[in-house]
Amino acid sequence: MKKVLIVLLLSITIISCGNDDGNNNNSNEENPNITSEYYFKATIDGQEVILEHEENGYYNSAGSGGWNNNNHEQMMVFMHLSDFTNGDLSDVNNAAVMIHVYKEFSVEPTNCNQVKTMFQVGTETYSQNNEPTDRITITYIDTQGKAWFTNHENSPQENSTFEFTEYTDFSGLDAQGISKAIFSCTLYDGAGNSITLTNGETRSKSVQCGG
């Protein structure tokens, strides 16, 4: 729940960002049904899930989870506008996705060039047993408000993959980068039940470092 609260608090800037992109048209020939510049798509528990920035009330934002135990956290968030102002997990009434990126630094990063190294093109590893160092975690909230995580205790991810495939610098109120990634994983609820996420793909605002 702590991570969801961080996202809700730090990503609230999206409400005031409006159309800072200047262009919400996407020319993605591989995904002709997606019209937004920024999107999340995956097959989760056998159902296709598509969340698009500025479509059906959804918004995409970057977020920073700050500095803890020599780890810096960044986030890529897709959430319904009505849920950005809610106070805790039980108040999220629509599907939402948060991709958390962790990297260990010897000292807290203080400029954007350091933070950008967290989104370099290449493969990443999922966090195991809540050990976030240089790892990825994914939080998915389904349409019933139930939260699913890749990093539940004793949550194997042997056949899971995550790869950043593109990075572009960006100048926006809520982000200084744009990242594209492909991924698959197993998601767990608090009781250890699991569902699969396959064919995951996102193009998202990333790098929140204050410009």
N, C-alpha and C. Protein backbone atom coordinates (compact mmCIF):
# COMPACT_ATOMS: atom_id res chain seq x y z
N MET A 1 0.83 -1.20 0.00
CA MET A 1 0.00 0.00 0.00
C MET A 1 0.86 1.25 0.00
N LYS A 2 2.02 1.17 0.66
CA LYS A 2 2.89 2.34 0.74
C LYS A 2 3.25 2.83 -0.64
N LYS A 3 3.57 1.91 -1.57
CA LYS A 3 3.99 2.33 -2.89
C LYS A 3 2.84 2.96 -3.66
N VAL A 4 1.63 2.44 -3.45
CA VAL A 4 0.48 3.04 -4.12
C VAL A 4 0.27 4.46 -3.63
N LEU A 5 0.42 4.67 -2.32
CA LEU A 5 0.26 6.01 -1.77
C LEU A 5 1.30 6.96 -2.32
N ILE A 6 2.55 6.49 -2.47
CA ILE A 6 3.60 7.33 -3.04
C ILE A 6 3.22 7.78 -4.43
N VAL A 7 2.73 6.84 -5.23
CA VAL A 7 2.35 7.17 -6.60
C VAL A 7 1.23 8.19 -6.62
N LEU A 8 0.22 7.97 -5.78
CA LEU A 8 -0.91 8.89 -5.78
C LEU A 8 -0.48 10.29 -5.39
N LEU A 9 0.46 10.40 -4.47
CA LEU A 9 0.89 11.71 -4.02
C LEU A 9 1.82 12.38 -5.00
N LEU A 10 2.77 11.63 -5.55
CA LEU A 10 3.79 12.23 -6.39
C LEU A 10 3.33 12.43 -7.83
N SER A 11 2.34 11.68 -8.25
CA SER A 11 1.89 11.78 -9.63
C SER A 11 0.70 12.72 -9.79
N ILE A 12 0.28 13.36 -8.70
CA ILE A 12 -0.86 14.26 -8.76
C ILE A 12 -0.61 15.43 -9.70
N THR A 13 0.68 15.70 -10.01
CA THR A 13 1.01 16.78 -10.92
C THR A 13 0.39 16.61 -12.29
N ILE A 14 0.01 15.39 -12.60
CA ILE A 14 -0.56 15.13 -13.91
C ILE A 14 -1.85 15.91 -14.13
N ILE A 15 -2.58 16.17 -13.04
CA ILE A 15 -3.86 16.86 -13.16
C ILE A 15 -3.68 18.25 -13.75
N SER A 16 -2.56 18.88 -13.44
CA SER A 16 -2.32 20.23 -13.92
C SER A 16 -1.52 20.28 -15.22
N CYS A 17 -1.14 19.09 -15.73
CA CYS A 17 -0.27 19.08 -16.91
C CYS A 17 -1.05 19.31 -18.19
N GLY A 18 -2.31 18.85 -18.22
CA GLY A 18 -3.10 19.03 -19.42
C GLY A 18 -2.44 18.40 -20.61
N ASN A 19 -2.48 19.07 -21.75
CA ASN A 19 -1.91 18.54 -22.98
C ASN A 19 -0.50 19.05 -23.19
N ASP A 20 0.39 18.80 -22.20
CA ASP A 20 1.75 19.30 -22.32
C ASP A 20 2.51 18.58 -23.41
N ASP A 21 1.98 17.45 -23.91
CA ASP A 21 2.68 16.70 -24.95
C ASP A 21 2.65 17.45 -26.27
N GLY A 22 1.58 18.16 -26.50
CA GLY A 22 1.43 18.85 -27.77
C GLY A 22 0.85 17.99 -28.87
N ASN A 23 0.95 16.65 -28.71
CA ASN A 23 0.47 15.75 -29.74
C ASN A 23 0.15 14.42 -29.11
N ASN A 24 -1.11 13.99 -29.21
CA ASN A 24 -1.51 12.73 -28.62
C ASN A 24 -1.77 11.68 -29.67
N ASN A 25 -1.29 11.89 -30.89
CA ASN A 25 -1.50 10.93 -31.95
C ASN A 25 -0.35 9.94 -32.00
N ASN A 26 -0.68 8.66 -32.15
CA ASN A 26 0.33 7.62 -32.17
C ASN A 26 0.31 6.94 -33.53
N SER A 27 1.47 6.82 -34.17
CA SER A 27 1.56 6.17 -35.47
C SER A 27 2.14 4.78 -35.33
N ASN A 28 1.75 4.05 -34.29
CA ASN A 28 2.27 2.73 -34.01
C ASN A 28 1.60 1.71 -34.93
N GLU A 29 2.29 1.29 -35.98
CA GLU A 29 1.71 0.37 -36.96
C GLU A 29 1.50 -1.01 -36.36
N GLU A 30 2.29 -1.38 -35.33
CA GLU A 30 2.13 -2.68 -34.71
C GLU A 30 0.89 -2.74 -33.83
N ASN A 31 0.37 -1.59 -33.40
CA ASN A 31 -0.80 -1.52 -32.54
C ASN A 31 -1.80 -0.52 -33.13
N PRO A 32 -2.44 -0.88 -34.24
CA PRO A 32 -3.31 0.09 -34.92
C PRO A 32 -4.51 0.52 -34.10
N ASN A 33 -4.89 -0.25 -33.07
CA ASN A 33 -6.04 0.12 -32.25
C ASN A 33 -5.68 1.12 -31.16
N ILE A 34 -4.40 1.40 -31.01
CA ILE A 34 -3.96 2.36 -30.00
C ILE A 34 -3.75 3.71 -30.65
N THR A 35 -4.41 4.71 -30.14
CA THR A 35 -4.35 6.05 -30.73
C THR A 35 -3.51 7.03 -29.93
N SER A 36 -3.16 6.66 -28.70
CA SER A 36 -2.45 7.59 -27.83
C SER A 36 -0.94 7.47 -27.99
N GLU A 37 -0.27 8.56 -27.73
CA GLU A 37 1.20 8.59 -27.72
C GLU A 37 1.76 7.68 -26.63
N TYR A 38 1.06 7.60 -25.50
CA TYR A 38 1.53 6.83 -24.36
C TYR A 38 0.47 5.79 -24.00
N TYR A 39 0.91 4.55 -23.78
CA TYR A 39 -0.06 3.47 -23.59
C TYR A 39 0.57 2.32 -22.80
N PHE A 40 -0.29 1.52 -22.22
CA PHE A 40 0.06 0.23 -21.62
C PHE A 40 -0.87 -0.80 -22.22
N LYS A 41 -0.33 -1.93 -22.67
CA LYS A 41 -1.17 -3.02 -23.17
C LYS A 41 -0.56 -4.34 -22.74
N ALA A 42 -1.43 -5.28 -22.40
CA ALA A 42 -0.98 -6.61 -21.99
C ALA A 42 -2.17 -7.55 -21.95
N THR A 43 -1.89 -8.83 -21.96
CA THR A 43 -2.90 -9.84 -21.68
C THR A 43 -2.70 -10.26 -20.23
N ILE A 44 -3.70 -9.98 -19.40
CA ILE A 44 -3.61 -10.27 -17.97
C ILE A 44 -4.73 -11.21 -17.59
N ASP A 45 -4.35 -12.37 -17.07
CA ASP A 45 -5.32 -13.39 -16.69
C ASP A 45 -6.24 -13.73 -17.87
N GLY A 46 -5.65 -13.73 -19.07
CA GLY A 46 -6.39 -14.11 -20.27
C GLY A 46 -7.19 -13.00 -20.92
N GLN A 47 -7.21 -11.80 -20.33
CA GLN A 47 -7.98 -10.69 -20.87
C GLN A 47 -7.05 -9.56 -21.33
N GLU A 48 -7.37 -8.98 -22.47
CA GLU A 48 -6.57 -7.86 -22.95
C GLU A 48 -6.86 -6.61 -22.13
N VAL A 49 -5.80 -5.97 -21.67
CA VAL A 49 -5.91 -4.72 -20.91
C VAL A 49 -5.16 -3.64 -21.67
N ILE A 50 -5.84 -2.56 -22.01
CA ILE A 50 -5.23 -1.43 -22.70
C ILE A 50 -5.58 -0.16 -21.94
N LEU A 51 -4.59 0.58 -21.52
CA LEU A 51 -4.77 1.88 -20.87
C LEU A 51 -4.02 2.91 -21.70
N GLU A 52 -4.72 3.96 -22.13
CA GLU A 52 -4.13 4.97 -23.00
C GLU A 52 -4.23 6.36 -22.38
N HIS A 53 -3.16 7.11 -22.49
CA HIS A 53 -3.11 8.48 -21.99
C HIS A 53 -4.16 9.34 -22.70
N GLU A 54 -4.96 10.05 -21.91
CA GLU A 54 -6.01 10.94 -22.40
C GLU A 54 -7.08 10.22 -23.20
N GLU A 55 -7.31 8.95 -22.87
CA GLU A 55 -8.42 8.18 -23.43
C GLU A 55 -9.23 7.59 -22.28
N ASN A 56 -10.54 7.80 -22.31
CA ASN A 56 -11.45 7.23 -21.30
C ASN A 56 -11.07 7.64 -19.87
N GLY A 57 -10.54 8.85 -19.73
CA GLY A 57 -10.24 9.37 -18.41
C GLY A 57 -8.89 8.96 -17.84
N TYR A 58 -8.08 8.25 -18.62
CA TYR A 58 -6.78 7.78 -18.12
C TYR A 58 -5.67 8.77 -18.45
N TYR A 59 -4.67 8.78 -17.57
CA TYR A 59 -3.50 9.62 -17.76
C TYR A 59 -2.24 8.83 -17.45
N ASN A 60 -1.18 9.22 -18.10
CA ASN A 60 0.15 8.63 -17.88
C ASN A 60 1.08 9.69 -17.31
N SER A 61 1.86 9.30 -16.32
CA SER A 61 2.80 10.22 -15.71
C SER A 61 4.03 9.47 -15.24
N ALA A 62 5.14 10.18 -15.12
CA ALA A 62 6.31 9.66 -14.42
C ALA A 62 6.20 10.04 -12.95
N GLY A 63 6.90 9.31 -12.09
CA GLY A 63 6.90 9.62 -10.67
C GLY A 63 8.23 9.26 -10.06
N SER A 64 8.55 9.89 -8.95
CA SER A 64 9.76 9.58 -8.21
C SER A 64 9.39 9.14 -6.80
N GLY A 65 9.87 7.95 -6.43
CA GLY A 65 9.61 7.43 -5.09
C GLY A 65 10.67 7.80 -4.09
N GLY A 66 11.69 8.55 -4.54
CA GLY A 66 12.68 9.05 -3.61
C GLY A 66 13.82 8.09 -3.36
N TRP A 67 14.45 8.25 -2.21
CA TRP A 67 15.74 7.64 -1.88
C TRP A 67 15.60 6.83 -0.60
N ASN A 68 15.98 5.54 -0.64
CA ASN A 68 15.85 4.70 0.54
C ASN A 68 16.90 3.59 0.49
N ASN A 69 17.73 3.51 1.50
CA ASN A 69 18.75 2.46 1.60
C ASN A 69 19.61 2.37 0.34
N ASN A 70 20.08 3.51 -0.11
CA ASN A 70 20.96 3.61 -1.29
C ASN A 70 20.27 3.24 -2.60
N ASN A 71 18.94 3.18 -2.59
CA ASN A 71 18.18 2.90 -3.80
C ASN A 71 17.31 4.09 -4.16
N HIS A 72 17.35 4.47 -5.44
CA HIS A 72 16.45 5.50 -5.94
C HIS A 72 15.35 4.82 -6.73
N GLU A 73 14.12 5.33 -6.57
CA GLU A 73 12.96 4.74 -7.23
C GLU A 73 12.34 5.72 -8.21
N GLN A 74 12.05 5.23 -9.41
CA GLN A 74 11.30 5.96 -10.42
C GLN A 74 10.09 5.11 -10.82
N MET A 75 9.03 5.77 -11.32
CA MET A 75 7.82 5.05 -11.67
C MET A 75 7.25 5.54 -13.00
N MET A 76 6.62 4.61 -13.69
CA MET A 76 5.81 4.92 -14.88
C MET A 76 4.38 4.51 -14.53
N VAL A 77 3.45 5.47 -14.59
CA VAL A 77 2.11 5.29 -14.01
C VAL A 77 1.03 5.49 -15.06
N PHE A 78 0.07 4.57 -15.09
CA PHE A 78 -1.16 4.74 -15.86
C PHE A 78 -2.32 4.61 -14.88
N MET A 79 -3.10 5.68 -14.75
CA MET A 79 -4.17 5.69 -13.76
C MET A 79 -5.31 6.60 -14.22
N HIS A 80 -6.52 6.26 -13.81
CA HIS A 80 -7.68 7.09 -14.12
C HIS A 80 -7.61 8.38 -13.32
N LEU A 81 -7.96 9.48 -13.97
CA LEU A 81 -7.87 10.79 -13.32
C LEU A 81 -8.62 10.83 -12.01
N SER A 82 -9.76 10.16 -11.92
CA SER A 82 -10.57 10.21 -10.70
C SER A 82 -9.89 9.52 -9.53
N ASP A 83 -8.87 8.69 -9.79
CA ASP A 83 -8.19 7.97 -8.72
C ASP A 83 -6.93 8.66 -8.24
N PHE A 84 -6.45 9.68 -8.95
CA PHE A 84 -5.21 10.33 -8.55
C PHE A 84 -5.34 11.04 -7.21
N THR A 85 -6.54 11.45 -6.84
CA THR A 85 -6.71 12.20 -5.60
C THR A 85 -7.16 11.32 -4.44
N ASN A 86 -7.28 10.02 -4.67
CA ASN A 86 -7.73 9.14 -3.59
C ASN A 86 -6.63 8.87 -2.58
N GLY A 87 -7.02 8.50 -1.37
CA GLY A 87 -6.07 8.41 -0.29
C GLY A 87 -5.39 7.08 -0.07
N ASP A 88 -6.05 5.95 -0.46
CA ASP A 88 -5.39 4.67 -0.27
C ASP A 88 -5.87 3.68 -1.31
N LEU A 89 -5.32 2.49 -1.22
CA LEU A 89 -5.55 1.47 -2.23
C LEU A 89 -7.02 1.13 -2.41
N SER A 90 -7.79 1.12 -1.32
CA SER A 90 -9.19 0.73 -1.39
C SER A 90 -10.04 1.74 -2.15
N ASP A 91 -9.51 2.95 -2.36
CA ASP A 91 -10.26 3.98 -3.05
C ASP A 91 -10.02 4.01 -4.56
N VAL A 92 -9.12 3.14 -5.06
CA VAL A 92 -8.85 3.10 -6.49
C VAL A 92 -9.95 2.29 -7.16
N ASN A 93 -10.73 2.93 -8.00
CA ASN A 93 -11.95 2.31 -8.54
C ASN A 93 -11.83 1.85 -9.98
N ASN A 94 -10.68 2.07 -10.59
CA ASN A 94 -10.47 1.69 -11.98
C ASN A 94 -9.14 0.96 -12.11
N ALA A 95 -8.99 0.25 -13.21
CA ALA A 95 -7.72 -0.44 -13.45
C ALA A 95 -6.57 0.56 -13.46
N ALA A 96 -5.42 0.16 -12.96
CA ALA A 96 -4.25 1.03 -12.92
C ALA A 96 -2.99 0.17 -12.98
N VAL A 97 -1.92 0.78 -13.49
CA VAL A 97 -0.64 0.08 -13.58
C VAL A 97 0.47 1.01 -13.14
N MET A 98 1.40 0.49 -12.35
CA MET A 98 2.59 1.23 -11.93
C MET A 98 3.81 0.34 -12.13
N ILE A 99 4.74 0.80 -12.94
CA ILE A 99 6.00 0.10 -13.13
C ILE A 99 7.06 0.84 -12.33
N HIS A 100 7.65 0.15 -11.35
CA HIS A 100 8.63 0.74 -10.46
C HIS A 100 10.03 0.33 -10.92
N VAL A 101 10.92 1.29 -11.02
CA VAL A 101 12.30 1.04 -11.44
C VAL A 101 13.22 1.45 -10.30
N TYR A 102 14.07 0.53 -9.85
CA TYR A 102 15.00 0.81 -8.75
C TYR A 102 16.44 0.71 -9.23
N LYS A 103 17.29 1.58 -8.71
CA LYS A 103 18.71 1.49 -9.01
C LYS A 103 19.51 1.92 -7.78
N GLU A 104 20.57 1.17 -7.51
CA GLU A 104 21.43 1.50 -6.39
C GLU A 104 22.47 2.53 -6.80
N PHE A 105 22.61 3.58 -6.00
CA PHE A 105 23.63 4.61 -6.17
C PHE A 105 24.43 4.72 -4.87
N SER A 106 25.68 5.10 -4.99
CA SER A 106 26.49 5.28 -3.77
C SER A 106 26.04 6.51 -2.99
N VAL A 107 25.56 7.52 -3.72
CA VAL A 107 24.96 8.71 -3.10
C VAL A 107 23.69 9.03 -3.86
N GLU A 108 22.80 9.77 -3.24
CA GLU A 108 21.52 10.08 -3.87
C GLU A 108 21.73 10.86 -5.17
N PRO A 109 21.12 10.42 -6.29
CA PRO A 109 21.29 11.14 -7.56
C PRO A 109 20.68 12.52 -7.49
N THR A 110 21.41 13.51 -8.02
CA THR A 110 20.97 14.90 -7.91
C THR A 110 20.75 15.57 -9.26
N ASN A 111 20.98 14.87 -10.37
CA ASN A 111 20.72 15.47 -11.67
C ASN A 111 20.08 14.46 -12.60
N CYS A 112 19.50 14.96 -13.67
CA CYS A 112 18.73 14.12 -14.59
C CYS A 112 19.58 13.07 -15.30
N ASN A 113 20.83 13.40 -15.60
CA ASN A 113 21.67 12.44 -16.31
C ASN A 113 21.87 11.17 -15.49
N GLN A 114 21.96 11.31 -14.17
CA GLN A 114 22.06 10.13 -13.32
C GLN A 114 20.77 9.31 -13.35
N VAL A 115 19.64 9.99 -13.25
CA VAL A 115 18.36 9.29 -13.24
C VAL A 115 18.10 8.60 -14.58
N LYS A 116 18.53 9.21 -15.67
CA LYS A 116 18.31 8.62 -17.00
C LYS A 116 18.98 7.27 -17.15
N THR A 117 20.07 7.03 -16.40
CA THR A 117 20.75 5.72 -16.50
C THR A 117 19.84 4.59 -16.04
N MET A 118 18.80 4.90 -15.30
CA MET A 118 17.87 3.88 -14.83
C MET A 118 17.00 3.33 -15.95
N PHE A 119 16.95 4.04 -17.08
CA PHE A 119 16.08 3.67 -18.18
C PHE A 119 16.85 3.31 -19.46
N GLN A 120 18.10 2.91 -19.30
CA GLN A 120 18.91 2.53 -20.45
C GLN A 120 18.30 1.33 -21.16
N VAL A 121 18.43 1.30 -22.49
CA VAL A 121 17.94 0.17 -23.27
C VAL A 121 18.66 -1.09 -22.84
N GLY A 122 17.89 -2.14 -22.58
CA GLY A 122 18.47 -3.41 -22.16
C GLY A 122 17.51 -4.16 -21.26
N THR A 123 17.91 -5.36 -20.87
CA THR A 123 17.06 -6.21 -20.03
C THR A 123 17.21 -5.86 -18.56
N GLU A 124 16.13 -6.10 -17.81
CA GLU A 124 16.11 -5.85 -16.38
C GLU A 124 15.62 -7.11 -15.66
N THR A 125 15.83 -7.14 -14.34
CA THR A 125 15.44 -8.28 -13.51
C THR A 125 14.36 -7.85 -12.53
N TYR A 126 13.41 -8.75 -12.27
CA TYR A 126 12.35 -8.44 -11.31
C TYR A 126 12.86 -8.60 -9.88
N SER A 127 12.34 -7.75 -9.00
CA SER A 127 12.67 -7.85 -7.59
C SER A 127 12.12 -9.14 -7.01
N GLN A 128 12.88 -9.75 -6.11
CA GLN A 128 12.44 -10.96 -5.42
C GLN A 128 12.39 -10.68 -3.91
N ASN A 129 11.31 -11.10 -3.27
CA ASN A 129 11.19 -10.99 -1.82
C ASN A 129 11.44 -9.57 -1.31
N ASN A 130 10.89 -8.60 -2.04
CA ASN A 130 10.96 -7.19 -1.64
C ASN A 130 12.39 -6.66 -1.53
N GLU A 131 13.30 -7.20 -2.34
CA GLU A 131 14.66 -6.69 -2.42
C GLU A 131 14.77 -5.89 -3.71
N PRO A 132 14.67 -4.55 -3.64
CA PRO A 132 14.50 -3.75 -4.85
C PRO A 132 15.77 -3.37 -5.60
N THR A 133 16.96 -3.65 -5.06
CA THR A 133 18.19 -3.12 -5.65
C THR A 133 18.32 -3.48 -7.12
N ASP A 134 18.46 -2.44 -7.97
CA ASP A 134 18.63 -2.62 -9.42
C ASP A 134 17.60 -3.59 -9.98
N ARG A 135 16.35 -3.33 -9.67
CA ARG A 135 15.29 -4.27 -10.05
C ARG A 135 14.06 -3.53 -10.57
N ILE A 136 13.13 -4.32 -11.14
CA ILE A 136 11.82 -3.85 -11.60
C ILE A 136 10.74 -4.50 -10.75
N THR A 137 9.69 -3.76 -10.41
CA THR A 137 8.47 -4.36 -9.89
C THR A 137 7.28 -3.76 -10.64
N ILE A 138 6.22 -4.53 -10.76
CA ILE A 138 5.00 -4.06 -11.41
C ILE A 138 3.84 -4.23 -10.45
N THR A 139 3.04 -3.18 -10.32
CA THR A 139 1.80 -3.22 -9.56
C THR A 139 0.63 -3.07 -10.52
N TYR A 140 -0.32 -3.97 -10.46
CA TYR A 140 -1.53 -3.90 -11.29
C TYR A 140 -2.74 -3.91 -10.37
N ILE A 141 -3.62 -2.94 -10.54
CA ILE A 141 -4.89 -2.90 -9.82
C ILE A 141 -5.99 -3.21 -10.83
N ASP A 142 -6.74 -4.28 -10.56
CA ASP A 142 -7.76 -4.70 -11.53
C ASP A 142 -9.03 -3.86 -11.39
N THR A 143 -10.01 -4.15 -12.22
CA THR A 143 -11.23 -3.33 -12.25
C THR A 143 -12.07 -3.49 -10.99
N GLN A 144 -11.76 -4.49 -10.17
CA GLN A 144 -12.46 -4.67 -8.89
C GLN A 144 -11.73 -3.99 -7.74
N GLY A 145 -10.61 -3.32 -8.05
CA GLY A 145 -9.85 -2.65 -7.02
C GLY A 145 -8.86 -3.54 -6.29
N LYS A 146 -8.65 -4.75 -6.79
CA LYS A 146 -7.72 -5.67 -6.15
C LYS A 146 -6.31 -5.45 -6.68
N ALA A 147 -5.34 -5.41 -5.78
CA ALA A 147 -3.95 -5.15 -6.16
C ALA A 147 -3.18 -6.45 -6.36
N TRP A 148 -2.36 -6.46 -7.41
CA TRP A 148 -1.50 -7.59 -7.75
C TRP A 148 -0.07 -7.06 -7.93
N PHE A 149 0.92 -7.84 -7.47
CA PHE A 149 2.29 -7.38 -7.47
C PHE A 149 3.23 -8.47 -8.00
N THR A 150 4.33 -8.04 -8.61
CA THR A 150 5.37 -9.00 -8.99
C THR A 150 6.24 -9.37 -7.80
N ASN A 151 6.30 -8.53 -6.78
CA ASN A 151 7.26 -8.73 -5.70
C ASN A 151 6.62 -9.16 -4.39
N HIS A 152 5.55 -9.95 -4.48
CA HIS A 152 5.00 -10.55 -3.27
C HIS A 152 6.04 -11.51 -2.70
N GLU A 153 6.02 -11.71 -1.37
CA GLU A 153 6.98 -12.61 -0.72
C GLU A 153 6.92 -14.00 -1.35
N ASN A 154 8.10 -14.57 -1.63
CA ASN A 154 8.21 -15.88 -2.28
C ASN A 154 7.45 -15.91 -3.61
N SER A 155 7.72 -14.91 -4.44
CA SER A 155 7.01 -14.79 -5.72
C SER A 155 7.97 -15.11 -6.87
N PRO A 156 8.01 -16.36 -7.31
CA PRO A 156 8.95 -16.73 -8.38
C PRO A 156 8.63 -16.04 -9.69
N GLN A 157 9.69 -15.66 -10.41
CA GLN A 157 9.55 -15.01 -11.71
C GLN A 157 10.52 -15.65 -12.72
N GLU A 158 10.69 -16.98 -12.63
CA GLU A 158 11.71 -17.65 -13.42
C GLU A 158 11.57 -17.42 -14.93
N ASN A 159 10.35 -17.43 -15.42
CA ASN A 159 10.12 -17.30 -16.87
C ASN A 159 9.68 -15.89 -17.27
N SER A 160 9.86 -14.94 -16.37
CA SER A 160 9.42 -13.56 -16.63
C SER A 160 10.53 -12.77 -17.30
N THR A 161 10.14 -11.76 -18.08
CA THR A 161 11.11 -10.93 -18.79
C THR A 161 10.71 -9.47 -18.70
N PHE A 162 11.71 -8.60 -18.79
CA PHE A 162 11.46 -7.16 -18.89
C PHE A 162 12.62 -6.56 -19.66
N GLU A 163 12.30 -5.77 -20.68
CA GLU A 163 13.34 -5.14 -21.49
C GLU A 163 12.92 -3.73 -21.89
N PHE A 164 13.77 -2.75 -21.58
CA PHE A 164 13.61 -1.41 -22.13
C PHE A 164 14.13 -1.45 -23.58
N THR A 165 13.28 -1.05 -24.52
CA THR A 165 13.65 -1.14 -25.93
C THR A 165 13.94 0.21 -26.57
N GLU A 166 13.47 1.31 -25.96
CA GLU A 166 13.71 2.63 -26.50
C GLU A 166 13.78 3.65 -25.37
N TYR A 167 14.57 4.70 -25.58
CA TYR A 167 14.56 5.84 -24.67
C TYR A 167 14.73 7.12 -25.47
N THR A 168 13.92 8.15 -25.14
CA THR A 168 14.00 9.45 -25.79
C THR A 168 13.92 10.53 -24.73
N ASP A 169 14.77 11.55 -24.83
CA ASP A 169 14.66 12.69 -23.93
C ASP A 169 13.36 13.44 -24.20
N PHE A 170 12.83 14.07 -23.17
CA PHE A 170 11.53 14.74 -23.24
C PHE A 170 11.56 15.93 -22.29
N SER A 171 10.80 16.94 -22.58
CA SER A 171 10.72 18.10 -21.70
C SER A 171 9.26 18.36 -21.36
N GLY A 172 8.85 17.94 -20.18
CA GLY A 172 7.47 18.12 -19.75
C GLY A 172 7.41 18.48 -18.29
N LEU A 173 6.22 18.86 -17.82
CA LEU A 173 6.07 19.24 -16.43
C LEU A 173 6.22 18.04 -15.49
N ASP A 174 5.85 16.85 -15.97
CA ASP A 174 5.86 15.68 -15.11
C ASP A 174 6.86 14.62 -15.55
N ALA A 175 7.68 14.89 -16.56
CA ALA A 175 8.62 13.88 -17.04
C ALA A 175 9.71 14.53 -17.88
N GLN A 176 10.89 13.91 -17.84
CA GLN A 176 12.00 14.37 -18.67
C GLN A 176 12.50 13.28 -19.61
N GLY A 177 11.72 12.20 -19.74
CA GLY A 177 12.07 11.13 -20.66
C GLY A 177 10.84 10.38 -21.13
N ILE A 178 11.01 9.60 -22.19
CA ILE A 178 9.98 8.69 -22.69
C ILE A 178 10.64 7.34 -22.88
N SER A 179 10.04 6.30 -22.33
CA SER A 179 10.60 4.96 -22.41
C SER A 179 9.60 3.98 -23.00
N LYS A 180 10.13 3.03 -23.75
CA LYS A 180 9.31 1.94 -24.27
C LYS A 180 9.87 0.63 -23.73
N ALA A 181 8.98 -0.29 -23.37
CA ALA A 181 9.42 -1.56 -22.80
C ALA A 181 8.47 -2.68 -23.20
N ILE A 182 9.00 -3.91 -23.22
CA ILE A 182 8.20 -5.11 -23.42
C ILE A 182 8.47 -6.04 -22.24
N PHE A 183 7.46 -6.83 -21.82
CA PHE A 183 7.60 -7.58 -20.59
C PHE A 183 6.56 -8.67 -20.46
N SER A 184 6.85 -9.62 -19.57
CA SER A 184 5.91 -10.64 -19.13
C SER A 184 6.26 -10.96 -17.69
N CYS A 185 5.28 -11.43 -16.91
CA CYS A 185 5.54 -11.70 -15.50
C CYS A 185 4.37 -12.46 -14.89
N THR A 186 4.57 -12.84 -13.63
CA THR A 186 3.49 -13.39 -12.82
C THR A 186 3.15 -12.38 -11.74
N LEU A 187 1.87 -12.13 -11.53
CA LEU A 187 1.39 -11.17 -10.54
C LEU A 187 0.72 -11.92 -9.39
N TYR A 188 0.96 -11.45 -8.15
CA TYR A 188 0.46 -12.13 -6.95
C TYR A 188 -0.37 -11.16 -6.12
N ASP A 189 -1.42 -11.70 -5.49
CA ASP A 189 -2.16 -10.89 -4.53
C ASP A 189 -1.59 -11.12 -3.13
N GLY A 190 -2.19 -10.51 -2.12
CA GLY A 190 -1.67 -10.62 -0.77
C GLY A 190 -1.74 -12.02 -0.19
N ALA A 191 -2.59 -12.87 -0.77
CA ALA A 191 -2.73 -14.24 -0.27
C ALA A 191 -1.85 -15.24 -1.01
N GLY A 192 -1.11 -14.76 -2.02
CA GLY A 192 -0.24 -15.65 -2.77
C GLY A 192 -0.88 -16.23 -4.02
N ASN A 193 -2.15 -15.88 -4.30
CA ASN A 193 -2.76 -16.30 -5.56
C ASN A 193 -2.07 -15.59 -6.71
N SER A 194 -2.06 -16.20 -7.89
CA SER A 194 -1.31 -15.61 -9.00
C SER A 194 -2.11 -15.56 -10.28
N ILE A 195 -1.77 -14.59 -11.13
CA ILE A 195 -2.28 -14.48 -12.49
C ILE A 195 -1.09 -14.15 -13.38
N THR A 196 -1.21 -14.43 -14.66
CA THR A 196 -0.10 -14.19 -15.58
C THR A 196 -0.33 -12.93 -16.40
N LEU A 197 0.76 -12.25 -16.69
CA LEU A 197 0.77 -11.11 -17.60
C LEU A 197 1.68 -11.47 -18.76
N THR A 198 1.14 -11.47 -19.97
CA THR A 198 1.92 -11.78 -21.16
C THR A 198 1.74 -10.69 -22.20
N ASN A 199 2.64 -10.67 -23.19
CA ASN A 199 2.56 -9.71 -24.30
C ASN A 199 2.49 -8.27 -23.81
N GLY A 200 3.16 -7.99 -22.70
CA GLY A 200 3.15 -6.63 -22.15
C GLY A 200 3.99 -5.67 -22.99
N GLU A 201 3.46 -4.49 -23.16
CA GLU A 201 4.18 -3.44 -23.90
C GLU A 201 3.72 -2.08 -23.38
N THR A 202 4.65 -1.16 -23.22
CA THR A 202 4.29 0.19 -22.82
C THR A 202 5.18 1.20 -23.50
N ARG A 203 4.62 2.34 -23.77
CA ARG A 203 5.37 3.55 -24.14
C ARG A 203 4.90 4.60 -23.16
N SER A 204 5.81 5.04 -22.30
CA SER A 204 5.40 5.82 -21.12
C SER A 204 6.34 6.98 -20.86
N LYS A 205 5.79 8.03 -20.26
CA LYS A 205 6.64 9.07 -19.70
C LYS A 205 7.51 8.43 -18.60
N SER A 206 8.75 8.88 -18.52
CA SER A 206 9.67 8.36 -17.52
C SER A 206 10.60 9.50 -17.09
N VAL A 207 11.46 9.20 -16.14
CA VAL A 207 12.47 10.15 -15.64
C VAL A 207 11.82 11.42 -15.05
N GLN A 208 11.49 11.35 -13.80
CA GLN A 208 11.05 12.55 -13.09
C GLN A 208 12.19 13.03 -12.22
N CYS A 209 12.80 14.14 -12.65
CA CYS A 209 14.00 14.63 -11.96
C CYS A 209 14.02 16.15 -11.85
N GLY A 210 12.93 16.80 -12.17
CA GLY A 210 12.83 18.23 -11.99
C GLY A 210 13.44 19.05 -13.10
N GLY A 211 13.71 18.41 -14.27
CA GLY A 211 14.20 19.15 -15.42
C GLY A 211 15.69 19.16 -15.53
